Structure formats: C-alpha cells, structure tokens
Protein backbone atom coordinates (compact mmCIF):
# COMPACT_ATOMS: atom_id res chain seq x y z
CA MET A 1 35.57 -74.87 -45.20
CA LYS A 2 37.03 -72.29 -42.93
CA PRO A 3 36.22 -72.32 -39.23
CA LEU A 4 34.78 -68.80 -39.48
CA SER A 5 32.32 -69.73 -42.24
CA ASN A 6 31.26 -72.77 -40.19
CA LYS A 7 30.50 -70.52 -37.21
CA ILE A 8 28.47 -68.16 -39.42
CA LEU A 9 26.58 -71.09 -40.91
CA PHE A 10 25.74 -72.52 -37.45
CA ILE A 11 24.67 -69.06 -36.18
CA PHE A 12 22.48 -68.62 -39.26
CA LEU A 13 20.93 -72.11 -38.85
CA GLY A 14 20.35 -71.45 -35.15
CA LEU A 15 18.64 -68.17 -35.85
CA LEU A 16 16.52 -69.78 -38.61
CA THR A 17 15.48 -72.61 -36.28
CA THR A 18 14.61 -70.15 -33.53
CA GLY A 19 12.56 -68.09 -35.98
CA LEU A 20 10.65 -71.14 -37.26
CA LEU A 21 9.94 -72.33 -33.71
CA SER A 22 8.70 -68.85 -32.79
CA LEU A 23 6.41 -68.86 -35.86
CA LEU A 24 5.01 -72.29 -34.93
CA VAL A 25 4.32 -71.17 -31.32
CA TYR A 26 2.60 -67.99 -32.61
CA LEU A 27 0.46 -69.96 -35.07
CA PHE A 28 -0.45 -72.50 -32.37
CA ILE A 29 -1.59 -69.72 -30.00
CA PHE A 30 -3.43 -67.91 -32.86
CA ILE A 31 -5.26 -71.12 -33.95
CA SER A 32 -6.14 -72.00 -30.33
CA GLY A 33 -7.67 -68.55 -29.87
CA SER A 34 -9.57 -68.85 -33.16
CA ASP A 35 -11.06 -72.16 -32.03
CA ASP A 36 -12.48 -70.49 -28.94
CA LYS A 37 -13.92 -67.69 -31.10
CA VAL A 38 -15.56 -70.25 -33.41
CA LYS A 39 -17.07 -72.09 -30.43
CA SER A 40 -18.37 -68.79 -29.06
CA LEU A 41 -19.93 -67.86 -32.45
CA GLY A 42 -21.55 -71.31 -32.68
CA TYR A 43 -23.04 -70.85 -29.22
CA ASP A 44 -24.35 -67.40 -30.19
CA ILE A 45 -25.91 -68.77 -33.39
CA ASN A 46 -27.65 -71.62 -31.48
CA LYS A 47 -28.85 -69.15 -28.84
CA ASN A 48 -30.17 -66.72 -31.45
CA THR A 49 -31.87 -69.55 -33.38
CA LYS A 50 -33.70 -70.71 -30.26
CA ILE A 51 -34.75 -67.10 -29.50
CA LEU A 52 -36.10 -66.74 -33.05
CA GLU A 53 -38.02 -70.05 -32.79
CA LEU A 54 -39.51 -69.04 -29.48
CA SER A 55 -40.50 -65.59 -30.74
CA ALA A 56 -42.03 -67.07 -33.92
CA ASP A 57 -43.97 -69.61 -31.83
CA THR A 58 -45.14 -66.88 -29.44
CA SER A 59 -46.10 -64.47 -32.21
CA ILE A 60 -48.13 -67.10 -34.04
CA SER A 61 -49.88 -68.21 -30.86
CA SER A 62 -50.56 -64.77 -29.43
CA THR A 63 -51.70 -62.80 -32.48
CA ASP A 64 -55.12 -61.29 -32.58
CA VAL A 65 -55.73 -62.37 -36.17
CA LYS A 66 -59.16 -63.76 -36.80
CA GLU A 67 -59.12 -67.44 -37.75
CA SER A 68 -61.21 -66.64 -40.80
CA ASP A 69 -58.34 -64.49 -42.05
CA THR A 70 -55.92 -67.38 -41.90
CA LEU A 71 -58.09 -69.84 -43.87
CA PRO A 72 -56.56 -69.00 -47.22
CA TYR A 73 -53.16 -69.94 -45.84
CA PHE A 74 -53.78 -72.91 -43.52
CA VAL A 75 -55.99 -75.97 -43.56
CA LYS A 76 -58.60 -76.06 -40.82
CA SER A 77 -58.79 -79.15 -38.64
CA GLY A 78 -61.30 -81.59 -40.16
CA GLU A 79 -60.66 -80.35 -43.69
CA GLU A 80 -57.48 -82.34 -44.30
CA PHE A 81 -59.12 -84.71 -46.76
CA ARG A 82 -60.56 -81.78 -48.71
CA PHE A 83 -56.98 -80.56 -49.14
CA VAL A 84 -55.90 -84.04 -50.27
CA GLU A 85 -58.75 -84.08 -52.79
CA LEU A 86 -57.56 -80.69 -54.08
CA VAL A 87 -54.12 -82.16 -54.64
CA GLU A 88 -55.64 -85.16 -56.44
CA LYS A 89 -57.77 -82.88 -58.64
CA SER A 90 -54.58 -80.99 -59.50
CA CYS A 91 -53.15 -84.28 -60.77
CA VAL A 92 -56.14 -84.92 -62.98
CA ASN A 93 -56.24 -81.31 -64.30
CA THR A 94 -52.57 -81.43 -65.33
CA ASN A 95 -52.77 -84.90 -66.97
CA VAL A 96 -50.46 -86.47 -64.41
CA THR A 97 -51.19 -89.94 -63.06
CA CYS A 98 -50.70 -89.59 -59.28
CA LYS A 99 -50.50 -91.91 -56.38
CA ILE A 100 -50.33 -90.87 -52.72
CA SER A 101 -47.43 -92.84 -51.29
CA SER A 102 -47.70 -91.49 -47.76
CA LEU A 103 -49.96 -89.35 -45.65
CA ASN A 104 -48.81 -88.16 -42.22
CA ILE A 105 -50.19 -85.68 -39.78
CA GLY A 106 -48.29 -84.76 -36.69
CA SER A 107 -47.09 -81.93 -34.57
CA ALA A 108 -44.78 -79.39 -36.14
CA SER A 109 -41.74 -79.23 -33.92
CA ASN A 110 -41.11 -75.51 -34.25
CA LEU A 111 -44.75 -74.42 -33.82
CA SER A 112 -47.14 -74.42 -30.89
CA GLU A 113 -49.47 -77.26 -30.06
CA ARG A 114 -52.27 -75.42 -31.85
CA PHE A 115 -50.76 -76.33 -35.20
CA GLN A 116 -50.05 -79.61 -36.92
CA LYS A 117 -48.11 -80.48 -40.07
CA LEU A 118 -49.83 -82.50 -42.82
CA SER A 119 -47.31 -84.20 -45.11
CA ILE A 120 -48.32 -85.90 -48.34
CA GLY A 121 -45.91 -88.10 -50.30
CA LEU A 122 -46.77 -88.06 -54.00
CA GLU A 123 -45.67 -90.17 -56.93
CA GLY A 124 -46.65 -88.83 -60.32
CA LYS A 125 -46.11 -89.87 -63.92
CA GLY A 126 -46.65 -87.97 -67.13
CA SER A 127 -45.02 -85.99 -69.91
CA PHE A 128 -42.34 -83.51 -68.96
CA SER A 129 -44.59 -80.49 -69.50
CA SER A 130 -47.44 -82.07 -67.55
CA VAL A 131 -45.18 -82.99 -64.62
CA MET A 132 -43.64 -79.52 -64.50
CA HIS A 133 -47.08 -77.91 -64.75
CA PHE A 134 -48.24 -80.13 -61.86
CA ALA A 135 -45.24 -79.01 -59.75
CA LEU A 136 -46.13 -75.38 -60.45
CA VAL A 137 -49.77 -76.01 -59.50
CA LEU A 138 -48.59 -77.56 -56.20
CA GLU A 139 -46.49 -74.50 -55.44
CA SER A 140 -49.38 -72.15 -56.22
CA LEU A 141 -52.13 -73.87 -54.22
CA PRO A 142 -54.18 -71.38 -52.17
CA TYR A 143 -52.50 -72.56 -49.00
CA LYS A 144 -49.12 -71.99 -47.39
CA THR A 145 -47.45 -75.16 -48.67
CA ALA A 146 -43.90 -76.40 -48.85
CA LEU A 147 -42.39 -78.89 -51.24
CA ASP A 148 -39.89 -80.61 -48.98
CA ARG A 149 -38.15 -82.44 -51.79
CA MET A 150 -38.75 -83.11 -55.45
CA ASP A 151 -37.20 -85.90 -57.53
CA LEU A 152 -37.78 -85.87 -61.30
CA GLN A 153 -36.57 -88.83 -63.37
CA PHE A 154 -36.93 -89.76 -67.02
CA GLN A 155 -38.56 -93.15 -67.58
CA SER A 156 -36.99 -94.78 -70.56
CA SER A 157 -39.25 -96.65 -72.98
CA ALA A 158 -38.39 -99.48 -75.35
CA ASP A 159 -40.91 -98.13 -77.89
CA ALA A 160 -39.40 -95.01 -79.54
CA SER A 161 -42.77 -93.91 -80.92
CA SER A 162 -44.44 -93.66 -77.51
CA THR A 163 -44.57 -90.46 -75.49
CA SER A 164 -41.68 -90.15 -73.06
CA LEU A 165 -42.78 -90.31 -69.45
CA TRP A 166 -41.30 -88.64 -66.42
CA ASN A 167 -41.59 -89.78 -62.82
CA LEU A 168 -42.08 -87.26 -60.06
CA ASN A 169 -41.62 -87.98 -56.36
CA THR A 170 -42.25 -85.20 -53.88
CA ASN A 171 -43.35 -84.43 -50.34
CA LEU A 172 -45.91 -81.67 -49.92
CA SER A 173 -46.50 -80.14 -46.47
CA VAL A 174 -49.14 -77.79 -45.15
CA ILE A 175 -49.95 -76.45 -41.68
CA VAL A 176 -53.25 -77.52 -40.09
CA ILE A 177 -54.94 -75.34 -37.44
CA LYS A 178 -56.49 -77.40 -34.67
C-alpha cells in the first residue's frame, strides 16, 4: 500500500470512530432525558389516579341520593344472607350444582367507610350450557356486582355415554351499604 492511501484510510477510520462516539453520546443523553420523562409521566399518572379515587370516594359519600334509590344496586347491611340465598337460587334455577367456597365481608379499599365489599367464592358443576347460563345470571343480578375471576374447566368422564360436566370457579363481589 502506498503511504498516501494509508493516511486516507487512517483519516477515514478516525472520522468514522469520532462519528460513532458522537452518536453514542447523543443516544446516551437522549435516553437519559427520556427516562426522566417516563418517571415524570408515572408520577403524573399516580397523582391523577389518587385524585380520581378521592373524588369518587367524596362523590359517593356526599351525594344527596336517597338510600331507597340505591337499593337496586347495592345490598343493604343486614341483607347479606338474602343476597347469598339469591345466588344459591340462581344455581338451582340454572341446574348447576353450587358450593360456596368462601364468604368474606370487609372494607372496600377505594370507598368510604360507609361501604363494605361482600365477596363470595363459588364452585359450580353442570353442563356447559347450564354453567354459561349461570354465569350470565350472575352478571345480570339486580345488584351492581363484579365477577372478579372466572375459571371454566371441562371435567373428563370415563363413561362416554354420560353428560359431560364443566367446573366453574368464580368470585362474585357486591357493595354493601352500612
């Protein structure tokens, strides 16, 4: 190689290295700035979420709605077992064999102390159509309910002539007014 072409090659490699180092420095500064923006956005989201929770809690607690108007949506204190009986009747009416696996009542963390959350763990067994009909009935109860989770599993049977059974596990929640 000629000495002139070596000089040009070294100059080119030097410029290429300088360009790559400049690009890395720029990307490092850009990514560092983006990290601060992401942290700022996360803080804003947390702040706005807390504001929304507080405003929802305040609006529920301070409304001038008559308690009789809320009865179709919430369970009154002392009527929790009537609600549980309604759920059990829904099992019978849809031909699903049900068992209550858990029953908890406690404070709802995002609501005021005037409200409690009643959670019912249910295990059901029946044909696919019966189990799905039961799930639809749970969703359409005359109360503001929430199905926190729902697991549906096929139960295999050794006898091919028997009706196939499905297992349903779910948690049903409703708000109770104290």
